[in-house]
PDB file of all heavy atoms in Angstrom:
ATOM      1  N   HIS A   1       0.837  -1.199   0.000  1.00  0.00           N
ATOM      2  CA  HIS A   1       0.000   0.000   0.000  1.00  0.00           C
ATOM      3  C   HIS A   1       0.869   1.245   0.000  1.00  0.00           C
ATOM      4  O   HIS A   1       0.592   2.223  -0.715  1.00  0.00           O
ATOM      5  CB  HIS A   1      -0.923  -0.016   1.215  1.00  0.00           C
ATOM      6  CG  HIS A   1      -1.891   1.129   1.217  1.00  0.00           C
ATOM      7  ND1 HIS A   1      -1.672   2.302   1.913  1.00  0.00           N
ATOM      8  CD2 HIS A   1      -3.091   1.279   0.582  1.00  0.00           C
ATOM      9  CE1 HIS A   1      -2.682   3.131   1.719  1.00  0.00           C
ATOM     10  NE2 HIS A   1      -3.555   2.544   0.922  1.00  0.00           N
ATOM     11  N   GLU A   2       1.944   1.198   0.770  1.00  0.00           N
ATOM     12  CA  GLU A   2       2.860   2.344   0.828  1.00  0.00           C
ATOM     13  C   GLU A   2       3.462   2.640  -0.544  1.00  0.00           C
ATOM     14  O   GLU A   2       3.639   3.804  -0.929  1.00  0.00           O
ATOM     15  CB  GLU A   2       3.974   2.046   1.835  1.00  0.00           C
ATOM     16  CG  GLU A   2       4.991   3.155   1.995  1.00  0.00           C
ATOM     17  CD  GLU A   2       6.109   2.765   2.955  1.00  0.00           C
ATOM     18  OE1 GLU A   2       5.985   1.740   3.655  1.00  0.00           O
ATOM     19  OE2 GLU A   2       7.124   3.510   2.990  1.00  0.00           O
ATOM     20  N   PHE A   3       3.764   1.583  -1.298  1.00  0.00           N
ATOM     21  CA  PHE A   3       4.435   1.735  -2.598  1.00  0.00           C
ATOM     22  C   PHE A   3       3.478   1.552  -3.774  1.00  0.00           C
ATOM     23  O   PHE A   3       3.925   1.356  -4.904  1.00  0.00           O
ATOM     24  CB  PHE A   3       5.562   0.713  -2.723  1.00  0.00           C
ATOM     25  CG  PHE A   3       6.714   0.935  -1.768  1.00  0.00           C
ATOM     26  CD1 PHE A   3       7.535  -0.120  -1.406  1.00  0.00           C
ATOM     27  CD2 PHE A   3       6.980   2.179  -1.243  1.00  0.00           C
ATOM     28  CE1 PHE A   3       8.601   0.063  -0.541  1.00  0.00           C
ATOM     29  CE2 PHE A   3       8.040   2.384  -0.370  1.00  0.00           C
ATOM     30  CZ  PHE A   3       8.852   1.327  -0.013  1.00  0.00           C
ATOM     31  N   ARG A   4       2.178   1.665  -3.556  1.00  0.00           N
ATOM     32  CA  ARG A   4       1.208   1.254  -4.573  1.00  0.00           C
ATOM     33  C   ARG A   4       1.308   2.043  -5.870  1.00  0.00           C
ATOM     34  O   ARG A   4       0.928   1.547  -6.935  1.00  0.00           O
ATOM     35  CB  ARG A   4      -0.215   1.340  -4.011  1.00  0.00           C
ATOM     36  CG  ARG A   4      -0.696   2.742  -3.656  1.00  0.00           C
ATOM     37  CD  ARG A   4      -2.013   2.671  -2.873  1.00  0.00           C
ATOM     38  NE  ARG A   4      -2.545   4.002  -2.555  1.00  0.00           N
ATOM     39  CZ  ARG A   4      -2.112   4.747  -1.546  1.00  0.00           C
ATOM     40  NH1 ARG A   4      -1.131   4.312  -0.760  1.00  0.00           N
ATOM     41  NH2 ARG A   4      -2.653   5.934  -1.315  1.00  0.00           N
ATOM     42  N   ARG A   5       1.839   3.268  -5.812  1.00  0.00           N
ATOM     43  CA  ARG A   5       1.927   4.101  -7.025  1.00  0.00           C
ATOM     44  C   ARG A   5       3.333   4.077  -7.640  1.00  0.00           C
ATOM     45  O   ARG A   5       3.578   4.776  -8.617  1.00  0.00           O
ATOM     46  CB  ARG A   5       1.504   5.538  -6.710  1.00  0.00           C
ATOM     47  CG  ARG A   5       0.027   5.648  -6.338  1.00  0.00           C
ATOM     48  CD  ARG A   5      -0.423   7.095  -6.230  1.00  0.00           C
ATOM     49  NE  ARG A   5      -1.847   7.187  -5.951  1.00  0.00           N
ATOM     50  CZ  ARG A   5      -2.384   7.201  -4.739  1.00  0.00           C
ATOM     51  NH1 ARG A   5      -1.582   7.139  -3.670  1.00  0.00           N
ATOM     52  NH2 ARG A   5      -3.678   7.275  -4.577  1.00  0.00           N
ATOM     53  N   ARG A   6       4.211   3.256  -7.082  1.00  0.00           N
ATOM     54  CA  ARG A   6       5.575   3.172  -7.613  1.00  0.00           C
ATOM     55  C   ARG A   6       5.696   2.000  -8.582  1.00  0.00           C
ATOM     56  O   ARG A   6       4.967   1.009  -8.474  1.00  0.00           O
ATOM     57  CB  ARG A   6       6.582   2.993  -6.483  1.00  0.00           C
ATOM     58  CG  ARG A   6       6.608   4.139  -5.492  1.00  0.00           C
ATOM     59  CD  ARG A   6       7.751   3.970  -4.514  1.00  0.00           C
ATOM     60  NE  ARG A   6       7.704   4.957  -3.447  1.00  0.00           N
ATOM     61  CZ  ARG A   6       8.611   5.060  -2.484  1.00  0.00           C
ATOM     62  NH1 ARG A   6       9.640   4.214  -2.454  1.00  0.00           N
ATOM     63  NH2 ARG A   6       8.497   5.978  -1.548  1.00  0.00           N
ATOM     64  N   PRO A   7       6.641   2.088  -9.535  1.00  0.00           N
ATOM     65  CA  PRO A   7       6.869   0.944 -10.420  1.00  0.00           C
ATOM     66  C   PRO A   7       7.304  -0.273  -9.604  1.00  0.00           C
ATOM     67  O   PRO A   7       8.122  -0.166  -8.683  1.00  0.00           O
ATOM     68  CB  PRO A   7       7.996   1.416 -11.342  1.00  0.00           C
ATOM     69  CG  PRO A   7       7.958   2.910 -11.269  1.00  0.00           C
ATOM     70  CD  PRO A   7       7.491   3.245  -9.893  1.00  0.00           C
ATOM     71  N   ALA A   8       6.771  -1.417  -9.940  1.00  0.00           N
ATOM     72  CA  ALA A   8       7.077  -2.632  -9.175  1.00  0.00           C
ATOM     73  C   ALA A   8       8.560  -2.991  -9.251  1.00  0.00           C
ATOM     74  O   ALA A   8       9.083  -3.640  -8.348  1.00  0.00           O
ATOM     75  CB  ALA A   8       6.231  -3.795  -9.683  1.00  0.00           C
ATOM     76  N   GLY A   9       9.230  -2.540 -10.310  1.00  0.00           N
ATOM     77  CA  GLY A   9      10.637  -2.863 -10.476  1.00  0.00           C
ATOM     78  C   GLY A   9      11.548  -2.246  -9.440  1.00  0.00           C
ATOM     79  O   GLY A   9      12.684  -2.696  -9.273  1.00  0.00           O
ATOM     80  N   VAL A  10      11.064  -1.219  -8.713  1.00  0.00           N
ATOM     81  CA  VAL A  10      11.923  -0.594  -7.697  1.00  0.00           C
ATOM     82  C   VAL A  10      11.820  -1.323  -6.363  1.00  0.00           C
ATOM     83  O   VAL A  10      12.583  -1.033  -5.443  1.00  0.00           O
ATOM     84  CB  VAL A  10      11.575   0.900  -7.495  1.00  0.00           C
ATOM     85  CG1 VAL A  10      11.600   1.638  -8.821  1.00  0.00           C
ATOM     86  CG2 VAL A  10      10.230   1.086  -6.800  1.00  0.00           C
ATOM     87  N   LEU A  11      10.915  -2.270  -6.225  1.00  0.00           N
ATOM     88  CA  LEU A  11      10.774  -3.008  -4.977  1.00  0.00           C
ATOM     89  C   LEU A  11      11.954  -3.942  -4.767  1.00  0.00           C
ATOM     90  O   LEU A  11      12.588  -4.403  -5.727  1.00  0.00           O
ATOM     91  CB  LEU A  11       9.483  -3.834  -4.988  1.00  0.00           C
ATOM     92  CG  LEU A  11       8.152  -3.097  -5.158  1.00  0.00           C
ATOM     93  CD1 LEU A  11       7.008  -4.089  -5.116  1.00  0.00           C
ATOM     94  CD2 LEU A  11       7.977  -2.030  -4.097  1.00  0.00           C
ATOM     95  N   SER A  12      12.226  -4.247  -3.515  1.00  0.00           N
ATOM     96  CA  SER A  12      13.244  -5.253  -3.211  1.00  0.00           C
ATOM     97  C   SER A  12      12.733  -6.640  -3.614  1.00  0.00           C
ATOM     98  O   SER A  12      11.543  -6.816  -3.908  1.00  0.00           O
ATOM     99  CB  SER A  12      13.551  -5.249  -1.713  1.00  0.00           C
ATOM    100  OG  SER A  12      12.439  -5.759  -0.982  1.00  0.00           O
ATOM    101  N   GLY A  13      13.621  -7.616  -3.603  1.00  0.00           N
ATOM    102  CA  GLY A  13      13.227  -8.973  -3.959  1.00  0.00           C
ATOM    103  C   GLY A  13      12.122  -9.497  -3.061  1.00  0.00           C
ATOM    104  O   GLY A  13      11.167 -10.139  -3.531  1.00  0.00           O
ATOM    105  N   GLY A  14      12.234  -9.245  -1.767  1.00  0.00           N
ATOM    106  CA  GLY A  14      11.210  -9.695  -0.843  1.00  0.00           C
ATOM    107  C   GLY A  14       9.874  -9.012  -1.076  1.00  0.00           C
ATOM    108  O   GLY A  14       8.811  -9.637  -0.994  1.00  0.00           O
ATOM    109  N   GLN A  15       9.926  -7.706  -1.374  1.00  0.00           N
ATOM    110  CA  GLN A  15       8.694  -6.976  -1.646  1.00  0.00           C
ATOM    111  C   GLN A  15       8.059  -7.443  -2.950  1.00  0.00           C
ATOM    112  O   GLN A  15       6.828  -7.532  -3.053  1.00  0.00           O
ATOM    113  CB  GLN A  15       8.990  -5.477  -1.687  1.00  0.00           C
ATOM    114  CG  GLN A  15       9.359  -4.902  -0.329  1.00  0.00           C
ATOM    115  CD  GLN A  15      10.028  -3.543  -0.418  1.00  0.00           C
ATOM    116  OE1 GLN A  15      10.434  -3.090  -1.499  1.00  0.00           O
ATOM    117  NE2 GLN A  15      10.178  -2.876   0.716  1.00  0.00           N
ATOM    118  N   GLN A  16       8.882  -7.765  -3.945  1.00  0.00           N
ATOM    119  CA  GLN A  16       8.338  -8.300  -5.189  1.00  0.00           C
ATOM    120  C   GLN A  16       7.673  -9.652  -4.968  1.00  0.00           C
ATOM    121  O   GLN A  16       6.650  -9.967  -5.590  1.00  0.00           O
ATOM    122  CB  GLN A  16       9.444  -8.413  -6.241  1.00  0.00           C
ATOM    123  CG  GLN A  16       9.913  -7.075  -6.772  1.00  0.00           C
ATOM    124  CD  GLN A  16      10.949  -7.213  -7.871  1.00  0.00           C
ATOM    125  OE1 GLN A  16      11.209  -8.298  -8.379  1.00  0.00           O
ATOM    126  NE2 GLN A  16      11.564  -6.097  -8.252  1.00  0.00           N
ATOM    127  N   GLN A  17       8.235 -10.459  -4.066  1.00  0.00           N
ATOM    128  CA  GLN A  17       7.599 -11.734  -3.759  1.00  0.00           C
ATOM    129  C   GLN A  17       6.257 -11.510  -3.078  1.00  0.00           C
ATOM    130  O   GLN A  17       5.276 -12.205  -3.367  1.00  0.00           O
ATOM    131  CB  GLN A  17       8.492 -12.591  -2.864  1.00  0.00           C
ATOM    132  CG  GLN A  17       7.946 -13.995  -2.604  1.00  0.00           C
ATOM    133  CD  GLN A  17       7.814 -14.800  -3.870  1.00  0.00           C
ATOM    134  OE1 GLN A  17       8.798 -15.265  -4.448  1.00  0.00           O
ATOM    135  NE2 GLN A  17       6.591 -14.975  -4.337  1.00  0.00           N
ATOM    136  N   GLN A  18       6.197 -10.534  -2.172  1.00  0.00           N
ATOM    137  CA  GLN A  18       4.924 -10.196  -1.554  1.00  0.00           C
ATOM    138  C   GLN A  18       3.913  -9.757  -2.606  1.00  0.00           C
ATOM    139  O   GLN A  18       2.730 -10.130  -2.549  1.00  0.00           O
ATOM    140  CB  GLN A  18       5.132  -9.093  -0.519  1.00  0.00           C
ATOM    141  CG  GLN A  18       5.916  -9.535   0.703  1.00  0.00           C
ATOM    142  CD  GLN A  18       6.156  -8.404   1.689  1.00  0.00           C
ATOM    143  OE1 GLN A  18       5.793  -7.251   1.433  1.00  0.00           O
ATOM    144  NE2 GLN A  18       6.774  -8.723   2.806  1.00  0.00           N
ATOM    145  N   LEU A  19       4.366  -8.979  -3.583  1.00  0.00           N
ATOM    146  CA  LEU A  19       3.481  -8.526  -4.655  1.00  0.00           C
ATOM    147  C   LEU A  19       2.975  -9.703  -5.480  1.00  0.00           C
ATOM    148  O   LEU A  19       1.789  -9.760  -5.846  1.00  0.00           O
ATOM    149  CB  LEU A  19       4.210  -7.519  -5.544  1.00  0.00           C
ATOM    150  CG  LEU A  19       3.454  -7.018  -6.782  1.00  0.00           C
ATOM    151  CD1 LEU A  19       2.133  -6.375  -6.387  1.00  0.00           C
ATOM    152  CD2 LEU A  19       4.326  -6.038  -7.571  1.00  0.00           C
ATOM    153  N   ALA A  20       3.851 -10.651  -5.782  1.00  0.00           N
ATOM    154  CA  ALA A  20       3.437 -11.819  -6.567  1.00  0.00           C
ATOM    155  C   ALA A  20       2.373 -12.626  -5.830  1.00  0.00           C
ATOM    156  O   ALA A  20       1.398 -13.093  -6.431  1.00  0.00           O
ATOM    157  CB  ALA A  20       4.651 -12.691  -6.881  1.00  0.00           C
ATOM    158  N   ILE A  21       2.552 -12.789  -4.520  1.00  0.00           N
ATOM    159  CA  ILE A  21       1.563 -13.520  -3.729  1.00  0.00           C
ATOM    160  C   ILE A  21       0.258 -12.731  -3.676  1.00  0.00           C
ATOM    161  O   ILE A  21      -0.839 -13.283  -3.867  1.00  0.00           O
ATOM    162  CB  ILE A  21       2.094 -13.787  -2.313  1.00  0.00           C
ATOM    163  CG1 ILE A  21       3.305 -14.735  -2.369  1.00  0.00           C
ATOM    164  CG2 ILE A  21       1.005 -14.379  -1.423  1.00  0.00           C
ATOM    165  CD1 ILE A  21       4.028 -14.893  -1.037  1.00  0.00           C
ATOM    166  N   ALA A  22       0.357 -11.430  -3.425  1.00  0.00           N
ATOM    167  CA  ALA A  22      -0.838 -10.597  -3.338  1.00  0.00           C
ATOM    168  C   ALA A  22      -1.592 -10.572  -4.655  1.00  0.00           C
ATOM    169  O   ALA A  22      -2.831 -10.579  -4.674  1.00  0.00           O
ATOM    170  CB  ALA A  22      -0.447  -9.176  -2.925  1.00  0.00           C
ATOM    171  N   ARG A  23      -0.880 -10.538  -5.770  1.00  0.00           N
ATOM    172  CA  ARG A  23      -1.539 -10.513  -7.090  1.00  0.00           C
ATOM    173  C   ARG A  23      -2.377 -11.772  -7.292  1.00  0.00           C
ATOM    174  O   ARG A  23      -3.469 -11.720  -7.868  1.00  0.00           O
ATOM    175  CB  ARG A  23      -0.483 -10.389  -8.196  1.00  0.00           C
ATOM    176  CG  ARG A  23      -1.084 -10.245  -9.599  1.00  0.00           C
ATOM    177  CD  ARG A  23      -0.005 -10.048 -10.634  1.00  0.00           C
ATOM    178  NE  ARG A  23       0.929 -11.155 -10.642  1.00  0.00           N
ATOM    179  CZ  ARG A  23       2.083 -11.161 -11.322  1.00  0.00           C
ATOM    180  NH1 ARG A  23       2.439 -10.098 -12.030  1.00  0.00           N
ATOM    181  NH2 ARG A  23       2.873 -12.211 -11.294  1.00  0.00           N
ATOM    182  N   ALA A  24      -1.865 -12.922  -6.834  1.00  0.00           N
ATOM    183  CA  ALA A  24      -2.650 -14.152  -6.927  1.00  0.00           C
ATOM    184  C   ALA A  24      -3.854 -14.104  -5.997  1.00  0.00           C
ATOM    185  O   ALA A  24      -4.941 -14.594  -6.334  1.00  0.00           O
ATOM    186  CB  ALA A  24      -1.774 -15.360  -6.610  1.00  0.00           C
ATOM    187  N   LEU A  25      -3.685 -13.517  -4.820  1.00  0.00           N
ATOM    188  CA  LEU A  25      -4.760 -13.521  -3.825  1.00  0.00           C
ATOM    189  C   LEU A  25      -5.920 -12.598  -4.188  1.00  0.00           C
ATOM    190  O   LEU A  25      -7.061 -12.867  -3.806  1.00  0.00           O
ATOM    191  CB  LEU A  25      -4.207 -13.111  -2.463  1.00  0.00           C
ATOM    192  CG  LEU A  25      -3.352 -14.151  -1.734  1.00  0.00           C
ATOM    193  CD1 LEU A  25      -2.771 -13.543  -0.468  1.00  0.00           C
ATOM    194  CD2 LEU A  25      -4.184 -15.377  -1.395  1.00  0.00           C
ATOM    195  N   VAL A  26      -5.661 -11.504  -4.915  1.00  0.00           N
ATOM    196  CA  VAL A  26      -6.749 -10.573  -5.191  1.00  0.00           C
ATOM    197  C   VAL A  26      -7.826 -11.207  -6.063  1.00  0.00           C
ATOM    198  O   VAL A  26      -8.981 -10.753  -6.067  1.00  0.00           O
ATOM    199  CB  VAL A  26      -6.249  -9.263  -5.850  1.00  0.00           C
ATOM    200  CG1 VAL A  26      -5.361  -8.484  -4.903  1.00  0.00           C
ATOM    201  CG2 VAL A  26      -5.546  -9.523  -7.171  1.00  0.00           C
ATOM    202  N   ALA A  27      -7.486 -12.263  -6.779  1.00  0.00           N
ATOM    203  CA  ALA A  27      -8.490 -12.978  -7.566  1.00  0.00           C
ATOM    204  C   ALA A  27      -9.368 -13.866  -6.698  1.00  0.00           C
ATOM    205  O   ALA A  27     -10.292 -14.491  -7.206  1.00  0.00           O
ATOM    206  CB  ALA A  27      -7.803 -13.820  -8.640  1.00  0.00           C
TER     207      ALA A  27
END
């Protein structure tokens, strides 16, 4: 939520993994 308007590529590896999990969960 804090980084929601930032490009996903600037996230750390761990944050990108959180994003990948969250993207699956929103469905």
